[in-house]
Amino acid sequence: MHLSVEYMIEKIKEKLKVLNFDAIKSSHFDEEMYNELKEIYEMVMKKQSFSPSEMQAIAEELGNLRKK
């Protein structure tokens, strides 16, 4: 199944419930980053809760994937 970038970003933001994720939009990502984004999405969906440091790490990783 091929999930859209927009869907994955929205689900990650919903699951983490972090306000600063509003700055992250699906338009910041392109198809070249799809596999990396999908890995983050799958990891986030498997966990029930996240420590503040885990949320920070996820936010940083998403930031690293953003189009330059």
N, C-alpha and C. Protein backbone atom coordinates (compact mmCIF):
# COMPACT_ATOMS: atom_id res chain seq x y z
N MET A 1 0.85 -1.19 0.00
CA MET A 1 0.00 0.00 0.00
C MET A 1 0.89 1.25 0.00
N HIS A 2 0.57 2.18 -0.83
CA HIS A 2 1.35 3.41 -0.95
C HIS A 2 0.60 4.53 -0.23
N LEU A 3 1.07 4.87 0.94
CA LEU A 3 0.44 5.95 1.71
C LEU A 3 0.94 7.29 1.18
N SER A 4 0.07 8.26 1.17
CA SER A 4 0.50 9.58 0.71
C SER A 4 1.36 10.26 1.78
N VAL A 5 2.24 11.12 1.32
CA VAL A 5 3.09 11.89 2.23
C VAL A 5 2.20 12.70 3.17
N GLU A 6 1.17 13.33 2.61
CA GLU A 6 0.27 14.16 3.42
C GLU A 6 -0.39 13.34 4.52
N TYR A 7 -0.86 12.14 4.20
CA TYR A 7 -1.50 11.27 5.18
C TYR A 7 -0.52 10.92 6.30
N MET A 8 0.68 10.52 5.94
CA MET A 8 1.66 10.11 6.96
C MET A 8 2.01 11.27 7.88
N ILE A 9 2.23 12.47 7.32
CA ILE A 9 2.56 13.63 8.15
C ILE A 9 1.42 13.94 9.11
N GLU A 10 0.19 13.93 8.62
CA GLU A 10 -0.96 14.23 9.48
C GLU A 10 -1.09 13.20 10.60
N LYS A 11 -0.90 11.93 10.30
CA LYS A 11 -1.01 10.87 11.32
C LYS A 11 0.10 10.99 12.35
N ILE A 12 1.31 11.31 11.92
CA ILE A 12 2.42 11.49 12.86
C ILE A 12 2.09 12.65 13.80
N LYS A 13 1.61 13.75 13.25
CA LYS A 13 1.27 14.92 14.06
C LYS A 13 0.15 14.59 15.05
N GLU A 14 -0.87 13.87 14.59
CA GLU A 14 -1.99 13.48 15.48
C GLU A 14 -1.48 12.61 16.62
N LYS A 15 -0.67 11.64 16.29
CA LYS A 15 -0.21 10.68 17.29
C LYS A 15 0.68 11.35 18.34
N LEU A 16 1.53 12.26 17.90
CA LEU A 16 2.46 12.90 18.82
C LEU A 16 1.83 14.06 19.57
N LYS A 17 0.78 14.66 19.01
CA LYS A 17 0.07 15.76 19.68
C LYS A 17 1.03 16.86 20.14
N VAL A 18 1.90 17.27 19.25
CA VAL A 18 2.90 18.28 19.59
C VAL A 18 2.60 19.55 18.79
N LEU A 19 2.52 20.66 19.47
CA LEU A 19 2.14 21.91 18.82
C LEU A 19 3.14 22.37 17.77
N ASN A 20 4.43 22.22 18.03
CA ASN A 20 5.40 22.73 17.06
C ASN A 20 5.42 21.92 15.76
N PHE A 21 4.67 20.84 15.71
CA PHE A 21 4.56 20.07 14.48
C PHE A 21 3.69 20.79 13.46
N ASP A 22 3.00 21.86 13.87
CA ASP A 22 2.21 22.64 12.91
C ASP A 22 3.10 23.24 11.83
N ALA A 23 4.35 23.43 12.15
CA ALA A 23 5.28 23.99 11.17
C ALA A 23 5.66 22.97 10.10
N ILE A 24 5.35 21.71 10.34
CA ILE A 24 5.69 20.66 9.39
C ILE A 24 4.48 20.39 8.51
N LYS A 25 4.67 20.57 7.23
CA LYS A 25 3.59 20.38 6.27
C LYS A 25 4.03 19.36 5.22
N SER A 26 3.07 18.65 4.66
CA SER A 26 3.41 17.64 3.66
C SER A 26 4.12 18.24 2.46
N SER A 27 3.87 19.51 2.17
CA SER A 27 4.52 20.17 1.03
C SER A 27 6.03 20.33 1.25
N HIS A 28 6.49 20.14 2.48
CA HIS A 28 7.92 20.24 2.78
C HIS A 28 8.69 18.99 2.36
N PHE A 29 7.98 17.97 1.94
CA PHE A 29 8.61 16.68 1.63
C PHE A 29 8.32 16.32 0.18
N ASP A 30 9.25 15.61 -0.43
CA ASP A 30 9.00 15.14 -1.79
C ASP A 30 9.14 13.62 -1.84
N GLU A 31 8.87 13.07 -3.00
CA GLU A 31 8.84 11.62 -3.14
C GLU A 31 10.20 10.97 -2.88
N GLU A 32 11.28 11.72 -3.05
CA GLU A 32 12.61 11.16 -2.79
C GLU A 32 12.75 10.75 -1.32
N MET A 33 12.00 11.40 -0.45
CA MET A 33 12.09 11.14 0.99
C MET A 33 11.02 10.17 1.46
N TYR A 34 10.27 9.62 0.53
CA TYR A 34 9.12 8.78 0.88
C TYR A 34 9.50 7.62 1.80
N ASN A 35 10.53 6.86 1.44
CA ASN A 35 10.89 5.68 2.23
C ASN A 35 11.30 6.04 3.65
N GLU A 36 12.08 7.11 3.79
CA GLU A 36 12.50 7.54 5.12
C GLU A 36 11.29 8.00 5.93
N LEU A 37 10.41 8.75 5.30
CA LEU A 37 9.21 9.22 5.98
C LEU A 37 8.33 8.05 6.39
N LYS A 38 8.22 7.06 5.53
CA LYS A 38 7.39 5.88 5.83
C LYS A 38 7.97 5.13 7.03
N GLU A 39 9.29 5.04 7.12
CA GLU A 39 9.91 4.38 8.28
C GLU A 39 9.56 5.11 9.57
N ILE A 40 9.63 6.43 9.56
CA ILE A 40 9.27 7.22 10.74
C ILE A 40 7.79 7.00 11.07
N TYR A 41 6.95 7.07 10.05
CA TYR A 41 5.51 6.86 10.23
C TYR A 41 5.23 5.51 10.88
N GLU A 42 5.82 4.44 10.35
CA GLU A 42 5.58 3.10 10.89
C GLU A 42 6.05 2.98 12.33
N MET A 43 7.19 3.57 12.66
CA MET A 43 7.70 3.52 14.02
C MET A 43 6.76 4.28 14.96
N VAL A 44 6.30 5.46 14.54
CA VAL A 44 5.41 6.27 15.37
C VAL A 44 4.09 5.53 15.60
N MET A 45 3.56 4.88 14.58
CA MET A 45 2.27 4.20 14.70
C MET A 45 2.35 2.98 15.63
N LYS A 46 3.52 2.37 15.77
CA LYS A 46 3.67 1.17 16.61
C LYS A 46 3.70 1.50 18.09
N LYS A 47 4.16 2.69 18.45
CA LYS A 47 4.33 3.05 19.86
C LYS A 47 3.07 3.67 20.44
N GLN A 48 2.85 3.44 21.71
CA GLN A 48 1.69 4.02 22.40
C GLN A 48 1.98 5.41 22.95
N SER A 49 3.21 5.63 23.39
CA SER A 49 3.55 6.93 23.97
C SER A 49 5.01 7.23 23.67
N PHE A 50 5.34 8.49 23.85
CA PHE A 50 6.68 8.97 23.52
C PHE A 50 7.20 9.86 24.63
N SER A 51 8.48 9.71 24.94
CA SER A 51 9.11 10.60 25.90
C SER A 51 9.38 11.93 25.19
N PRO A 52 9.59 13.00 25.96
CA PRO A 52 9.93 14.27 25.32
C PRO A 52 11.17 14.16 24.42
N SER A 53 12.15 13.38 24.85
CA SER A 53 13.36 13.26 24.02
C SER A 53 13.07 12.48 22.73
N GLU A 54 12.18 11.51 22.78
CA GLU A 54 11.80 10.79 21.57
C GLU A 54 11.06 11.72 20.61
N MET A 55 10.16 12.55 21.15
CA MET A 55 9.44 13.49 20.29
C MET A 55 10.40 14.47 19.65
N GLN A 56 11.38 14.93 20.42
CA GLN A 56 12.39 15.85 19.88
C GLN A 56 13.17 15.18 18.76
N ALA A 57 13.55 13.92 18.96
CA ALA A 57 14.31 13.20 17.95
C ALA A 57 13.49 13.02 16.67
N ILE A 58 12.22 12.72 16.81
CA ILE A 58 11.34 12.57 15.64
C ILE A 58 11.21 13.90 14.91
N ALA A 59 11.02 14.97 15.66
CA ALA A 59 10.91 16.30 15.05
C ALA A 59 12.19 16.66 14.31
N GLU A 60 13.34 16.34 14.90
CA GLU A 60 14.61 16.63 14.25
C GLU A 60 14.77 15.81 12.98
N GLU A 61 14.37 14.55 13.04
CA GLU A 61 14.49 13.68 11.87
C GLU A 61 13.59 14.18 10.75
N LEU A 62 12.37 14.59 11.08
CA LEU A 62 11.48 15.15 10.06
C LEU A 62 12.08 16.44 9.50
N GLY A 63 12.67 17.24 10.36
CA GLY A 63 13.33 18.46 9.90
C GLY A 63 14.46 18.18 8.93
N ASN A 64 15.20 17.10 9.20
CA ASN A 64 16.32 16.72 8.32
C ASN A 64 15.82 16.26 6.96
N LEU A 65 14.61 15.73 6.90
CA LEU A 65 14.06 15.22 5.64
C LEU A 65 13.45 16.32 4.78
N ARG A 66 13.19 17.47 5.36
CA ARG A 66 12.53 18.55 4.61
C ARG A 66 13.33 18.96 3.39
N LYS A 67 12.62 19.35 2.36
CA LYS A 67 13.26 19.84 1.14
C LYS A 67 14.08 21.08 1.48
N LYS A 68 15.23 21.16 0.88
CA LYS A 68 16.10 22.32 1.12
C LYS A 68 15.73 23.45 0.20
